[in-house]
Amino acid sequence: WLKQFQGYDGTRPLTVGKSIDAISGATVSVFSITDDIQEKTRLLKKIVSK
């Protein structure tokens, strides 16, 4: 499941059920991880660009 995020560069939105597969019985975790990956990728891009 985590391989879906490899190569993610923050330029496209991650949407559970569309660009990211959901996991049965782990809906909250899937949304939390997806949101966190988007946020951390954007933060890292800001830090690296300074």
N, C-alpha and C. Protein backbone atom coordinates (compact mmCIF):
# COMPACT_ATOMS: atom_id res chain seq x y z
N TRP A 1 0.82 -1.19 0.00
CA TRP A 1 0.00 0.00 0.00
C TRP A 1 0.86 1.26 0.00
N LEU A 2 1.93 1.27 0.78
CA LEU A 2 2.78 2.46 0.87
C LEU A 2 3.51 2.76 -0.44
N LYS A 3 3.67 1.77 -1.29
CA LYS A 3 4.34 1.98 -2.57
C LYS A 3 3.60 2.99 -3.45
N GLN A 4 2.34 3.21 -3.18
CA GLN A 4 1.56 4.20 -3.94
C GLN A 4 2.13 5.60 -3.80
N PHE A 5 2.87 5.83 -2.72
CA PHE A 5 3.40 7.15 -2.43
C PHE A 5 4.82 7.36 -2.96
N GLN A 6 5.46 6.31 -3.42
CA GLN A 6 6.83 6.44 -3.94
C GLN A 6 6.83 7.38 -5.13
N GLY A 7 7.76 8.30 -5.11
CA GLY A 7 7.88 9.25 -6.20
C GLY A 7 6.93 10.44 -6.11
N TYR A 8 6.12 10.48 -5.07
CA TYR A 8 5.19 11.60 -4.91
C TYR A 8 5.97 12.88 -4.70
N ASP A 9 5.69 13.90 -5.49
CA ASP A 9 6.43 15.15 -5.41
C ASP A 9 5.60 16.34 -4.94
N GLY A 10 4.37 16.09 -4.55
CA GLY A 10 3.52 17.15 -4.02
C GLY A 10 2.80 17.98 -5.06
N THR A 11 2.99 17.69 -6.34
CA THR A 11 2.37 18.53 -7.37
C THR A 11 0.94 18.13 -7.69
N ARG A 12 0.53 16.95 -7.31
CA ARG A 12 -0.84 16.52 -7.58
C ARG A 12 -1.51 16.16 -6.25
N PRO A 13 -2.79 16.38 -6.15
CA PRO A 13 -3.49 16.02 -4.91
C PRO A 13 -3.60 14.50 -4.75
N LEU A 14 -3.53 14.05 -3.52
CA LEU A 14 -3.74 12.64 -3.22
C LEU A 14 -5.16 12.48 -2.71
N THR A 15 -5.93 11.64 -3.33
CA THR A 15 -7.33 11.45 -2.96
C THR A 15 -7.59 9.98 -2.70
N VAL A 16 -7.96 9.67 -1.46
CA VAL A 16 -8.28 8.29 -1.09
C VAL A 16 -9.48 7.84 -1.90
N GLY A 17 -9.37 6.68 -2.50
CA GLY A 17 -10.44 6.14 -3.32
C GLY A 17 -10.29 6.48 -4.79
N LYS A 18 -9.40 7.42 -5.09
CA LYS A 18 -9.13 7.79 -6.50
C LYS A 18 -7.66 7.52 -6.80
N SER A 19 -6.79 8.43 -6.40
CA SER A 19 -5.36 8.24 -6.67
C SER A 19 -4.70 7.33 -5.64
N ILE A 20 -5.35 7.15 -4.49
CA ILE A 20 -4.83 6.29 -3.42
C ILE A 20 -5.87 5.24 -3.08
N ASP A 21 -5.44 3.98 -3.07
CA ASP A 21 -6.35 2.89 -2.72
C ASP A 21 -6.67 2.92 -1.23
N ALA A 22 -7.90 2.65 -0.90
CA ALA A 22 -8.32 2.55 0.50
C ALA A 22 -7.98 1.16 1.03
N ILE A 23 -7.98 1.02 2.33
CA ILE A 23 -7.77 -0.27 2.98
C ILE A 23 -9.02 -0.56 3.79
N SER A 24 -9.63 -1.68 3.54
CA SER A 24 -10.85 -2.05 4.25
C SER A 24 -10.59 -2.13 5.75
N GLY A 25 -11.40 -1.44 6.53
CA GLY A 25 -11.28 -1.47 7.98
C GLY A 25 -10.26 -0.50 8.54
N ALA A 26 -9.59 0.25 7.68
CA ALA A 26 -8.55 1.18 8.15
C ALA A 26 -8.76 2.57 7.55
N THR A 27 -9.99 2.96 7.40
CA THR A 27 -10.31 4.22 6.73
C THR A 27 -9.66 5.42 7.39
N VAL A 28 -9.74 5.52 8.70
CA VAL A 28 -9.17 6.68 9.40
C VAL A 28 -7.66 6.71 9.20
N SER A 29 -7.00 5.58 9.32
CA SER A 29 -5.55 5.51 9.12
C SER A 29 -5.17 5.92 7.71
N VAL A 30 -5.91 5.46 6.73
CA VAL A 30 -5.62 5.79 5.33
C VAL A 30 -5.70 7.29 5.10
N PHE A 31 -6.75 7.92 5.59
CA PHE A 31 -6.90 9.37 5.42
C PHE A 31 -5.81 10.12 6.18
N SER A 32 -5.49 9.68 7.38
CA SER A 32 -4.45 10.35 8.19
C SER A 32 -3.09 10.26 7.53
N ILE A 33 -2.71 9.09 7.07
CA ILE A 33 -1.41 8.90 6.43
C ILE A 33 -1.34 9.69 5.13
N THR A 34 -2.40 9.65 4.34
CA THR A 34 -2.42 10.38 3.07
C THR A 34 -2.28 11.88 3.30
N ASP A 35 -3.03 12.43 4.24
CA ASP A 35 -2.93 13.86 4.56
C ASP A 35 -1.54 14.22 5.06
N ASP A 36 -0.97 13.36 5.91
CA ASP A 36 0.35 13.63 6.48
C ASP A 36 1.43 13.61 5.40
N ILE A 37 1.35 12.67 4.48
CA ILE A 37 2.34 12.61 3.40
C ILE A 37 2.27 13.86 2.54
N GLN A 38 1.08 14.32 2.23
CA GLN A 38 0.94 15.56 1.44
C GLN A 38 1.54 16.75 2.19
N GLU A 39 1.22 16.86 3.47
CA GLU A 39 1.71 17.98 4.27
C GLU A 39 3.23 17.96 4.40
N LYS A 40 3.79 16.80 4.72
CA LYS A 40 5.24 16.69 4.91
C LYS A 40 6.00 16.90 3.60
N THR A 41 5.44 16.45 2.49
CA THR A 41 6.09 16.66 1.19
C THR A 41 6.15 18.15 0.88
N ARG A 42 5.07 18.86 1.10
CA ARG A 42 5.06 20.31 0.86
C ARG A 42 6.05 21.04 1.78
N LEU A 43 6.10 20.63 3.04
CA LEU A 43 7.03 21.22 4.00
C LEU A 43 8.48 20.98 3.58
N LEU A 44 8.79 19.76 3.20
CA LEU A 44 10.16 19.45 2.77
C LEU A 44 10.55 20.24 1.52
N LYS A 45 9.62 20.41 0.60
CA LYS A 45 9.92 21.20 -0.60
C LYS A 45 10.26 22.64 -0.23
N LYS A 46 9.55 23.21 0.75
CA LYS A 46 9.83 24.57 1.20
C LYS A 46 11.21 24.66 1.83
N ILE A 47 11.54 23.68 2.68
CA ILE A 47 12.83 23.67 3.37
C ILE A 47 13.97 23.53 2.38
N VAL A 48 13.83 22.61 1.44
CA VAL A 48 14.89 22.35 0.47
C VAL A 48 15.09 23.54 -0.46
N SER A 49 14.03 24.27 -0.76
CA SER A 49 14.14 25.39 -1.70
C SER A 49 14.79 26.63 -1.08
N LYS A 50 14.96 26.64 0.24
CA LYS A 50 15.56 27.81 0.91
C LYS A 50 17.07 27.80 0.78
